[in-house]
Amino acid sequence: MLLFGSAEVQVAADGLATRLIRGNQLVAELGWVGAAPASVELIADDEVEHVLASGGARLLQRVTVAETWRTRWVLVRDHGGDQAVDERLRVQPGPEYTLWSWASGVTAVIAIAPAHAAGPVLCLRLEQGHLELVDPEPGRVAAEFQIAPPGTLLGTGERLVTVIEGSWQPNLAALESRLPSWLGDTQLDHGCPWRADIADFGITAPDDVDLSFGGDGAVLLDGPAGRRLIEVHTPRGLSRVPVEWVPPAEQVLHQVAVAALSSSAPLGAAAALCVQRAAERHAVWLEPSAHDRLDRFDWASDATIFAPAFALARGRNEGEAAVVSDGLRLLGSRPAGVGFGRLAMAGWLASLSVGLDARERCLELLGRPAVGRTAALESSLLHYRSVDFGQAELAGVFHRLGGNLPGRAPLLSWAEQASLVGLLELCPPEWPGAADYAQAAEKARGQILCAYLDGEITDPEPLAWLLLTPELVASG
């Protein structure tokens, strides 16, 4: 055990895992995927060393603690000639923590932040080597990172060094200084160029991205809507920078609605809500057969939160008070989880628009005990309780969406991320951090829209979550 401020770094006796414990909570665990166990080589007050085996190579591992927590791995190929480097590093956050990753090559930064509290935040910064996020499988509790660019070979007698430095930071904003100074804003409105002071570096961009130079020597890149990987060759090595040009929401609404209506499969509630909202936003023109399909959709038998959402939207749009009333009745049969409070408020507004004042019914729904901490936050925001009541939980949602850092939350599904966006948007503008929360929500919304456009998301559920506001309006 090594002391690291108010926390402890615990290295397993066999060297396969290093855990950071703060109080009685696991913050993070680091380990080398597929390494073979070994007995300890050196142990001191501030240092532990192991010599592990990884495939056909030796893996020298040293964990040290001073002002920061540093782990150094040296992969050495003793025999066998040139072999591809496919080793991976595993990072797992504790149950009460969330992981955010900007693992783009030689300038990787990983944030381990409380999922239900304001701080502090553990920053894992790559000091030496290369880290690139591997797309996780659904349900994974740990993220894995390639330690070398694809195709890298390591020959006999050669070695590959990876060094991770861990430090405590007061908040996510403090991690911005750990990113490259040339990075700039990597999410832009469609039609706005990405500007970076990288004229002295090598740059490789996809064929559909236009490259030009500004008058001050800055590089300008302009691409189509969606996400593009820009390779920046710095003196330190390769960085793969994801740049996103965010499309209008109507473009994605059109895409999802057309796909739903073109499919022969029965509509689900999420798809039906997307089609309904696309029609209201004039993102798609519905033929009479499509209207008939929405009218015949059996939303009452759908178990998701989007069933009452569709009923409220459809009833309001068609002026059908009975449909709005039935939608509220269906909502009342569901547990008060995330989205419940927003729909109760939406039901009240929808009832007023069709001449059915359901104020008392909706107030009863809004007053129900919420199921879970995140739903309790939603309830507190809709009731406009004091800033102190939900501030820690609101900061936790901000952490789960990575604040205003570039990158992704590899352990959250797209639907989980989308369900959190609306919570940040409910934050009253006069509360501390409201501007940052709004910016983080806009960033996460932009990532989801880009992922739809690129075909990374085809399921309508994440988009349906973005449509789930008290007014049942899709923000642009």
Protein backbone atom coordinates (compact mmCIF):
# COMPACT_ATOMS: atom_id res chain seq x y z
CA MET A 1 0.00 0.00 0.00
CA LEU A 2 1.31 3.44 -1.02
CA LEU A 3 -0.10 6.68 0.42
CA PHE A 4 -1.31 9.18 -2.17
CA GLY A 5 -2.63 12.27 -0.40
CA SER A 6 -5.80 11.23 1.41
CA ALA A 7 -6.01 8.08 -0.71
CA GLU A 8 -4.16 4.78 -0.95
CA VAL A 9 -2.59 3.07 -3.97
CA GLN A 10 -2.86 -0.68 -3.53
CA VAL A 11 -0.80 -2.93 -5.83
CA ALA A 12 -1.94 -6.54 -5.97
CA ALA A 13 0.65 -9.03 -4.75
CA ASP A 14 0.75 -10.68 -8.19
CA GLY A 15 1.09 -7.30 -9.95
CA LEU A 16 -2.02 -7.70 -12.12
CA ALA A 17 -3.99 -4.75 -10.73
CA THR A 18 -3.33 -1.39 -9.14
CA ARG A 19 -6.23 0.13 -7.23
CA LEU A 20 -6.75 3.65 -5.93
CA ILE A 21 -8.88 3.75 -2.77
CA ARG A 22 -10.23 7.00 -1.28
CA GLY A 23 -11.93 6.59 2.07
CA ASN A 24 -13.77 3.30 1.68
CA GLN A 25 -14.47 3.72 -2.04
CA LEU A 26 -12.68 2.35 -5.07
CA VAL A 27 -11.81 5.25 -7.37
CA ALA A 28 -10.07 3.40 -10.18
CA GLU A 29 -8.25 0.19 -11.06
CA LEU A 30 -5.52 -0.09 -13.68
CA GLY A 31 -4.15 -3.27 -15.18
CA TRP A 32 -2.53 -4.80 -18.24
CA VAL A 33 -4.93 -6.96 -20.24
CA GLY A 34 -3.78 -10.58 -20.49
CA ALA A 35 -0.64 -10.24 -18.36
CA ALA A 36 0.59 -13.27 -16.41
CA PRO A 37 0.99 -12.92 -12.61
CA ALA A 38 4.38 -12.66 -10.94
CA SER A 39 5.80 -12.20 -7.47
CA VAL A 40 6.97 -8.77 -6.37
CA GLU A 41 10.55 -7.75 -7.33
CA LEU A 42 10.86 -4.63 -5.17
CA ILE A 43 8.73 -3.04 -2.50
CA ALA A 44 9.40 0.21 -0.64
CA ASP A 45 7.44 2.99 1.06
CA ASP A 46 6.88 4.77 -2.22
CA GLU A 47 7.54 2.16 -4.91
CA VAL A 48 6.50 -1.34 -6.02
CA GLU A 49 7.99 -3.27 -8.97
CA HIS A 50 6.95 -6.45 -10.78
CA VAL A 51 8.27 -8.30 -13.81
CA LEU A 52 5.20 -9.68 -15.57
CA ALA A 53 4.79 -11.54 -18.85
CA SER A 54 2.59 -10.35 -21.72
CA GLY A 55 2.36 -12.71 -24.65
CA GLY A 56 5.91 -13.43 -25.76
CA ALA A 57 7.37 -10.39 -24.02
CA ARG A 58 8.47 -9.24 -20.59
CA LEU A 59 6.51 -6.46 -18.94
CA LEU A 60 8.40 -4.38 -16.40
CA GLN A 61 5.92 -2.58 -14.14
CA ARG A 62 6.83 0.11 -11.63
CA VAL A 63 4.31 1.96 -9.45
CA THR A 64 5.57 5.02 -7.57
CA VAL A 65 3.86 7.65 -5.43
CA ALA A 66 5.14 11.11 -4.55
CA GLU A 67 3.18 14.29 -5.32
CA THR A 68 1.58 12.29 -8.12
CA TRP A 69 0.84 8.61 -8.71
CA ARG A 70 2.87 7.26 -11.60
CA THR A 71 2.79 3.82 -13.22
CA ARG A 72 5.43 2.86 -15.79
CA TRP A 73 5.24 -0.20 -18.03
CA VAL A 74 8.11 -1.30 -20.27
CA LEU A 75 7.26 -3.98 -22.82
CA VAL A 76 10.43 -5.83 -23.91
CA ARG A 77 10.53 -8.40 -26.73
CA ASP A 78 13.34 -10.85 -25.90
CA HIS A 79 12.91 -13.21 -28.86
CA GLY A 80 10.69 -14.07 -31.79
CA GLY A 81 11.55 -11.22 -34.17
CA ASP A 82 9.10 -8.52 -35.25
CA GLN A 83 5.64 -9.02 -33.79
CA ALA A 84 2.57 -6.81 -33.80
CA VAL A 85 1.89 -4.89 -30.62
CA ASP A 86 -1.67 -5.71 -29.60
CA GLU A 87 -1.32 -5.27 -25.85
CA ARG A 88 -3.92 -3.17 -24.04
CA LEU A 89 -4.22 -1.19 -20.84
CA ARG A 90 -7.44 -1.56 -18.83
CA VAL A 91 -8.91 1.27 -16.74
CA GLN A 92 -11.96 0.61 -14.56
CA PRO A 93 -13.72 3.31 -12.51
CA GLY A 94 -15.19 2.50 -9.11
CA PRO A 95 -18.96 2.00 -8.69
CA GLU A 96 -19.46 5.63 -7.58
CA TYR A 97 -17.23 7.07 -10.30
CA THR A 98 -17.49 7.66 -14.02
CA LEU A 99 -14.86 7.54 -16.76
CA TRP A 100 -14.30 10.10 -19.51
CA SER A 101 -11.63 9.55 -22.14
CA TRP A 102 -9.74 11.71 -24.59
CA ALA A 103 -7.40 8.95 -25.75
CA SER A 104 -6.23 10.22 -29.09
CA GLY A 105 -2.66 8.96 -29.23
CA VAL A 106 0.31 10.60 -27.56
CA THR A 107 -1.72 13.29 -25.78
CA ALA A 108 -4.24 11.12 -23.93
CA VAL A 109 -6.11 12.32 -20.85
CA ILE A 110 -8.58 10.22 -18.83
CA ALA A 111 -10.89 11.66 -16.17
CA ILE A 112 -12.22 9.55 -13.29
CA ALA A 113 -14.85 11.73 -11.64
CA PRO A 114 -17.56 11.19 -9.00
CA ALA A 115 -20.85 10.20 -10.62
CA HIS A 116 -22.92 11.71 -7.81
CA ALA A 117 -20.72 14.37 -6.23
CA ALA A 118 -18.80 17.54 -7.07
CA GLY A 119 -15.23 16.32 -6.67
CA PRO A 120 -12.34 15.84 -6.50
CA VAL A 121 -11.46 14.43 -9.93
CA LEU A 122 -8.66 12.00 -10.72
CA CYS A 123 -6.73 12.96 -13.83
CA LEU A 124 -4.79 10.21 -15.60
CA ARG A 125 -2.42 11.78 -18.11
CA LEU A 126 -0.21 9.95 -20.58
CA GLU A 127 3.37 11.09 -19.97
CA GLN A 128 4.98 8.73 -22.46
CA GLY A 129 3.64 6.31 -25.05
CA HIS A 130 0.41 6.07 -27.01
CA LEU A 131 -3.18 5.38 -25.89
CA GLU A 132 -6.11 4.87 -28.22
CA LEU A 133 -9.56 3.88 -27.00
CA VAL A 134 -10.87 0.50 -28.09
CA ASP A 135 -14.61 0.51 -28.79
CA PRO A 136 -16.12 -1.22 -25.76
CA GLU A 137 -18.64 -4.02 -25.94
CA PRO A 138 -22.07 -3.30 -24.43
CA GLY A 139 -22.16 -3.79 -20.68
CA ARG A 140 -18.43 -3.37 -20.16
CA VAL A 141 -17.39 -1.94 -16.77
CA ALA A 142 -13.84 -1.10 -17.86
CA ALA A 143 -12.32 0.74 -20.81
CA GLU A 144 -9.42 -0.69 -22.78
CA PHE A 145 -6.75 1.26 -24.62
CA GLN A 146 -4.31 0.18 -27.32
CA ILE A 147 -0.76 1.11 -26.30
CA ALA A 148 0.51 1.64 -29.86
CA PRO A 149 -0.90 2.74 -33.22
CA PRO A 150 -2.41 -0.10 -35.27
CA GLY A 151 0.26 -1.98 -37.23
CA THR A 152 3.10 -1.17 -34.81
CA LEU A 153 5.78 -3.89 -34.71
CA LEU A 154 8.16 -4.60 -31.83
CA GLY A 155 11.33 -6.51 -32.68
CA THR A 156 13.71 -8.62 -30.64
CA GLY A 157 15.57 -6.46 -28.12
CA GLU A 158 13.24 -3.50 -28.64
CA ARG A 159 11.05 -2.01 -25.96
CA LEU A 160 7.91 0.10 -25.72
CA VAL A 161 7.36 2.43 -22.77
CA THR A 162 3.98 3.55 -21.41
CA VAL A 163 3.82 6.00 -18.48
CA ILE A 164 0.59 7.17 -16.81
CA GLU A 165 0.59 9.98 -14.26
CA GLY A 166 -2.33 10.32 -11.85
CA SER A 167 -3.12 13.53 -9.96
CA TRP A 168 -6.02 14.94 -8.00
CA GLN A 169 -7.78 17.94 -9.54
CA PRO A 170 -10.52 20.05 -7.94
CA ASN A 171 -12.87 19.74 -10.95
CA LEU A 172 -13.08 18.76 -14.60
CA ALA A 173 -12.21 22.27 -15.79
CA ALA A 174 -8.73 21.83 -14.30
CA LEU A 175 -8.08 19.02 -16.79
CA GLU A 176 -8.36 21.40 -19.74
CA SER A 177 -4.80 22.61 -19.06
CA ARG A 178 -3.59 19.02 -19.57
CA LEU A 179 -4.84 18.99 -23.17
CA PRO A 180 -2.62 20.18 -26.06
CA SER A 181 -2.49 23.98 -26.30
CA TRP A 182 -3.12 23.78 -30.06
CA LEU A 183 -6.29 21.71 -29.78
CA GLY A 184 -9.00 24.40 -29.80
CA ASP A 185 -12.73 23.65 -29.96
CA THR A 186 -13.27 20.25 -31.62
CA GLN A 187 -17.07 20.54 -31.95
CA LEU A 188 -18.39 23.09 -34.41
CA ASP A 189 -21.58 24.05 -36.18
CA HIS A 190 -21.78 22.69 -39.70
CA GLY A 191 -20.04 25.17 -41.99
CA CYS A 192 -17.60 26.54 -39.38
CA PRO A 193 -13.94 25.56 -39.91
CA TRP A 194 -11.80 23.96 -37.22
CA ARG A 195 -8.90 26.29 -36.47
CA ALA A 196 -5.67 25.05 -34.88
CA ASP A 197 -2.14 26.39 -34.60
CA ILE A 198 -0.55 23.29 -36.11
CA ALA A 199 0.98 24.68 -39.30
CA ASP A 200 4.39 23.32 -38.23
CA PHE A 201 3.00 19.81 -37.74
CA GLY A 202 2.13 17.15 -40.27
CA ILE A 203 -1.61 16.88 -40.90
CA THR A 204 -3.60 14.05 -42.48
CA ALA A 205 -7.32 14.51 -43.06
CA PRO A 206 -10.02 12.44 -44.79
CA ASP A 207 -10.63 13.17 -48.47
CA ASP A 208 -13.90 14.98 -47.77
CA VAL A 209 -12.24 17.51 -45.43
CA ASP A 210 -10.88 20.73 -46.96
CA LEU A 211 -7.59 22.07 -45.60
CA SER A 212 -6.45 25.68 -45.88
CA PHE A 213 -4.23 28.15 -44.04
CA GLY A 214 -5.24 31.37 -42.31
CA GLY A 215 -3.38 34.64 -42.66
CA ASP A 216 -1.62 34.10 -39.33
CA GLY A 217 -0.40 30.63 -40.29
CA ALA A 218 -3.17 28.74 -38.52
CA VAL A 219 -4.59 25.61 -40.15
CA LEU A 220 -8.27 25.69 -41.13
CA LEU A 221 -10.20 22.47 -41.73
CA ASP A 222 -13.78 22.33 -42.98
CA GLY A 223 -15.72 19.12 -43.43
CA PRO A 224 -19.22 17.75 -43.94
CA ALA A 225 -21.59 17.28 -41.04
CA GLY A 226 -20.50 14.41 -38.81
CA ARG A 227 -17.36 13.25 -37.03
CA ARG A 228 -13.98 13.11 -38.76
CA LEU A 229 -10.62 11.90 -37.44
CA ILE A 230 -7.76 14.32 -38.13
CA GLU A 231 -4.25 12.92 -37.71
CA VAL A 232 -1.79 15.44 -36.29
CA HIS A 233 1.87 14.43 -36.42
CA THR A 234 3.61 16.34 -33.61
CA PRO A 235 7.27 16.10 -32.55
CA ARG A 236 6.09 13.84 -29.74
CA GLY A 237 4.14 11.51 -32.03
CA LEU A 238 0.72 10.93 -33.54
CA SER A 239 -2.55 12.40 -32.24
CA ARG A 240 -5.86 11.31 -33.76
CA VAL A 241 -8.18 14.26 -33.14
CA PRO A 242 -11.95 13.73 -33.53
CA VAL A 243 -13.52 16.87 -34.99
CA GLU A 244 -17.32 17.09 -35.10
CA TRP A 245 -19.38 19.29 -37.41
CA VAL A 246 -22.84 19.16 -35.83
CA PRO A 247 -25.82 18.87 -38.21
CA PRO A 248 -29.16 20.60 -37.58
CA ALA A 249 -31.49 18.53 -35.41
CA GLU A 250 -34.06 18.49 -38.23
CA GLN A 251 -31.62 16.65 -40.48
CA VAL A 252 -31.28 13.82 -37.96
CA LEU A 253 -35.02 13.83 -37.22
CA HIS A 254 -35.65 13.40 -40.94
CA GLN A 255 -33.15 10.54 -41.17
CA VAL A 256 -34.58 8.64 -38.19
CA ALA A 257 -38.22 9.22 -39.18
CA VAL A 258 -37.69 8.07 -42.77
CA ALA A 259 -35.87 4.94 -41.56
CA ALA A 260 -38.71 4.12 -39.13
CA LEU A 261 -41.44 4.62 -41.73
CA SER A 262 -39.51 2.70 -44.40
CA SER A 263 -39.10 -0.34 -42.18
CA SER A 264 -41.68 -3.11 -42.26
CA ALA A 265 -41.08 -3.76 -38.56
CA PRO A 266 -43.74 -2.53 -36.12
CA LEU A 267 -43.11 0.91 -34.68
CA GLY A 268 -41.80 1.14 -31.15
CA ALA A 269 -42.66 4.07 -28.91
CA ALA A 270 -39.26 5.73 -29.35
CA ALA A 271 -39.55 5.55 -33.14
CA ALA A 272 -43.15 6.76 -33.08
CA LEU A 273 -42.18 9.75 -30.93
CA CYS A 274 -39.36 10.63 -33.35
CA VAL A 275 -41.74 10.44 -36.33
CA GLN A 276 -44.33 12.58 -34.54
CA ARG A 277 -41.80 15.24 -33.58
CA ALA A 278 -40.22 15.19 -37.05
CA ALA A 279 -43.62 15.93 -38.57
CA GLU A 280 -44.26 18.77 -36.12
CA ARG A 281 -40.85 20.26 -36.88
CA HIS A 282 -41.52 19.93 -40.64
CA ALA A 283 -38.50 17.64 -40.90
CA VAL A 284 -40.59 15.06 -42.75
CA TRP A 285 -43.85 15.05 -44.69
CA LEU A 286 -46.25 12.36 -43.54
CA GLU A 287 -48.42 10.66 -46.11
CA PRO A 288 -51.96 9.69 -45.01
CA SER A 289 -50.72 6.11 -44.61
CA ALA A 290 -48.05 7.30 -42.17
CA HIS A 291 -50.63 9.23 -40.13
CA ASP A 292 -52.77 6.10 -40.10
CA ARG A 293 -49.80 4.10 -38.89
CA LEU A 294 -49.28 6.51 -35.98
CA ASP A 295 -52.98 6.43 -35.14
CA ARG A 296 -52.97 2.62 -35.08
CA PHE A 297 -49.80 2.38 -33.01
CA ASP A 298 -50.63 0.55 -29.78
CA TRP A 299 -48.68 2.81 -27.45
CA ALA A 300 -50.60 1.62 -24.39
CA SER A 301 -48.90 -1.79 -24.60
CA ASP A 302 -45.38 -0.34 -24.87
CA ALA A 303 -43.45 -0.55 -21.57
CA THR A 304 -41.00 2.31 -22.17
CA ILE A 305 -41.18 5.91 -20.97
CA PHE A 306 -41.63 6.96 -24.60
CA ALA A 307 -45.15 5.48 -24.78
CA PRO A 308 -46.79 8.18 -22.63
CA ALA A 309 -44.49 10.73 -24.28
CA PHE A 310 -45.85 9.78 -27.70
CA ALA A 311 -49.44 9.83 -26.47
CA LEU A 312 -49.03 13.33 -25.03
CA ALA A 313 -47.37 14.64 -28.19
CA ARG A 314 -49.85 12.99 -30.54
CA GLY A 315 -52.86 14.04 -28.49
CA ARG A 316 -51.68 17.65 -28.26
CA ASN A 317 -50.89 17.84 -31.98
CA GLU A 318 -54.25 16.33 -33.01
CA GLY A 319 -56.25 18.23 -30.39
CA GLU A 320 -57.43 14.97 -28.81
CA ALA A 321 -58.05 15.56 -25.10
CA ALA A 322 -58.88 11.88 -24.56
CA VAL A 323 -55.49 10.79 -25.88
CA VAL A 324 -53.71 13.29 -23.60
CA SER A 325 -55.76 12.04 -20.64
CA ASP A 326 -54.97 8.41 -21.46
CA GLY A 327 -51.29 9.31 -21.83
CA LEU A 328 -51.28 10.80 -18.33
CA ARG A 329 -53.04 7.71 -16.99
CA LEU A 330 -50.36 5.51 -18.57
CA LEU A 331 -47.61 7.69 -17.12
CA GLY A 332 -49.18 7.34 -13.69
CA SER A 333 -48.82 3.56 -13.91
CA ARG A 334 -45.04 3.82 -14.35
CA PRO A 335 -42.34 4.19 -11.67
CA ALA A 336 -41.07 7.73 -11.16
CA GLY A 337 -37.69 7.20 -12.81
CA VAL A 338 -35.63 9.46 -15.06
CA GLY A 339 -37.91 11.29 -17.50
CA PHE A 340 -41.05 10.84 -15.38
CA GLY A 341 -41.01 14.37 -14.00
CA ARG A 342 -40.42 15.96 -17.39
CA LEU A 343 -43.37 14.06 -18.83
CA ALA A 344 -45.63 15.02 -15.92
CA MET A 345 -44.83 18.66 -16.67
CA ALA A 346 -45.31 18.05 -20.40
CA GLY A 347 -48.67 16.45 -19.67
CA TRP A 348 -49.85 19.54 -17.86
CA LEU A 349 -48.86 21.78 -20.77
CA ALA A 350 -50.42 19.38 -23.28
CA SER A 351 -53.67 19.28 -21.30
CA LEU A 352 -53.95 23.07 -21.35
CA SER A 353 -53.47 23.11 -25.13
CA VAL A 354 -56.46 20.77 -25.66
CA GLY A 355 -58.76 22.43 -23.13
CA LEU A 356 -58.23 19.80 -20.43
CA ASP A 357 -56.72 21.34 -17.30
CA ALA A 358 -54.98 18.36 -15.65
CA ARG A 359 -53.16 20.50 -13.12
CA GLU A 360 -54.14 18.52 -10.03
CA ARG A 361 -53.37 15.18 -11.66
CA CYS A 362 -49.96 16.38 -12.85
CA LEU A 363 -49.11 17.92 -9.47
CA GLU A 364 -49.84 14.54 -7.91
CA LEU A 365 -47.51 12.87 -10.41
CA LEU A 366 -44.79 15.45 -9.79
CA GLY A 367 -45.11 14.89 -6.05
CA ARG A 368 -44.41 11.16 -6.18
CA PRO A 369 -41.15 9.91 -4.60
CA ALA A 370 -38.50 9.55 -7.30
CA VAL A 371 -36.81 6.19 -7.88
CA GLY A 372 -33.03 6.66 -7.73
CA ARG A 373 -30.70 9.60 -7.22
CA THR A 374 -30.75 10.82 -10.83
CA ALA A 375 -34.57 10.84 -10.93
CA ALA A 376 -34.58 12.66 -7.57
CA LEU A 377 -32.38 15.33 -9.17
CA GLU A 378 -34.90 15.73 -11.99
CA SER A 379 -37.71 16.12 -9.46
CA SER A 380 -35.77 18.74 -7.48
CA LEU A 381 -35.01 20.76 -10.61
CA LEU A 382 -38.64 20.74 -11.73
CA HIS A 383 -39.73 21.82 -8.26
CA TYR A 384 -37.11 24.56 -8.40
CA ARG A 385 -35.71 23.66 -5.00
CA SER A 386 -32.71 25.48 -3.54
CA VAL A 387 -29.37 25.31 -5.31
CA ASP A 388 -27.89 23.32 -2.40
CA PHE A 389 -30.43 20.50 -2.69
CA GLY A 390 -29.22 18.95 -5.94
CA GLN A 391 -25.91 20.67 -6.64
CA ALA A 392 -23.72 17.64 -5.94
CA GLU A 393 -25.92 15.36 -8.06
CA LEU A 394 -26.03 17.95 -10.86
CA ALA A 395 -22.23 18.09 -10.82
CA GLY A 396 -22.21 14.28 -11.05
CA VAL A 397 -24.35 14.38 -14.21
CA PHE A 398 -21.93 17.00 -15.59
CA HIS A 399 -19.07 14.57 -14.86
CA ARG A 400 -20.80 11.65 -16.57
CA LEU A 401 -21.09 13.71 -19.74
CA GLY A 402 -17.43 14.74 -19.53
CA GLY A 403 -18.11 18.38 -18.74
CA ASN A 404 -16.75 20.53 -21.53
CA LEU A 405 -13.80 18.26 -22.32
CA PRO A 406 -13.44 16.72 -25.77
CA GLY A 407 -13.72 12.96 -25.95
CA ARG A 408 -16.28 10.34 -24.98
CA ALA A 409 -17.81 8.35 -22.13
CA PRO A 410 -16.89 4.84 -23.33
CA LEU A 411 -18.81 2.99 -20.61
CA LEU A 412 -22.15 4.76 -21.11
CA SER A 413 -24.53 3.78 -23.88
CA TRP A 414 -25.77 6.48 -26.23
CA ALA A 415 -29.22 6.20 -24.65
CA GLU A 416 -27.76 6.68 -21.16
CA GLN A 417 -25.89 9.78 -22.30
CA ALA A 418 -28.95 11.20 -24.05
CA SER A 419 -31.11 10.67 -20.95
CA LEU A 420 -28.76 12.95 -18.98
CA VAL A 421 -28.71 15.83 -21.46
CA GLY A 422 -32.17 17.10 -20.51
CA LEU A 423 -31.26 17.14 -16.81
CA LEU A 424 -28.45 19.65 -17.37
CA GLU A 425 -30.82 21.72 -19.51
CA LEU A 426 -33.23 21.96 -16.55
CA CYS A 427 -30.64 23.77 -14.42
CA PRO A 428 -31.90 27.31 -13.62
CA PRO A 429 -29.71 29.87 -15.42
CA GLU A 430 -28.91 31.78 -12.22
CA TRP A 431 -27.43 28.75 -10.43
CA PRO A 432 -23.64 28.39 -10.09
CA GLY A 433 -22.19 26.47 -13.04
CA ALA A 434 -25.35 26.83 -15.15
CA ALA A 435 -23.43 28.12 -18.18
CA ASP A 436 -21.03 25.18 -18.03
CA TYR A 437 -23.93 22.74 -17.64
CA ALA A 438 -25.69 24.19 -20.67
CA GLN A 439 -22.49 23.97 -22.72
CA ALA A 440 -21.92 20.35 -21.67
CA ALA A 441 -25.50 19.46 -22.63
CA GLU A 442 -25.03 21.10 -26.03
CA LYS A 443 -21.77 19.18 -26.55
CA ALA A 444 -23.35 15.83 -25.68
CA ARG A 445 -26.35 16.59 -27.90
CA GLY A 446 -23.98 17.41 -30.77
CA GLN A 447 -22.07 14.15 -30.31
CA ILE A 448 -25.29 12.15 -30.50
CA LEU A 449 -26.51 13.98 -33.62
CA CYS A 450 -23.15 13.37 -35.33
CA ALA A 451 -23.24 9.70 -34.37
CA TYR A 452 -26.66 9.35 -36.03
CA LEU A 453 -25.45 11.04 -39.18
CA ASP A 454 -22.38 8.78 -39.36
CA GLY A 455 -24.47 5.63 -38.88
CA GLU A 456 -22.90 4.91 -35.49
CA ILE A 457 -26.40 5.09 -33.95
CA THR A 458 -29.45 3.62 -35.68
CA ASP A 459 -31.65 2.97 -32.64
CA PRO A 460 -34.21 5.81 -32.25
CA GLU A 461 -34.07 5.68 -28.42
CA PRO A 462 -31.20 8.18 -27.88
CA LEU A 463 -32.92 10.70 -30.15
CA ALA A 464 -36.20 10.10 -28.32
CA TRP A 465 -34.46 10.99 -25.05
CA LEU A 466 -33.31 14.27 -26.59
CA LEU A 467 -36.95 15.01 -27.43
CA LEU A 468 -38.06 14.41 -23.85
CA THR A 469 -38.37 17.96 -22.52
CA PRO A 470 -41.21 19.44 -20.45
CA GLU A 471 -42.49 21.07 -23.64
CA LEU A 472 -41.85 17.91 -25.74
CA VAL A 473 -39.80 20.04 -28.12
CA ALA A 474 -36.59 18.96 -29.86
CA SER A 475 -34.00 21.63 -29.19
CA GLY A 476 -31.80 22.41 -32.17
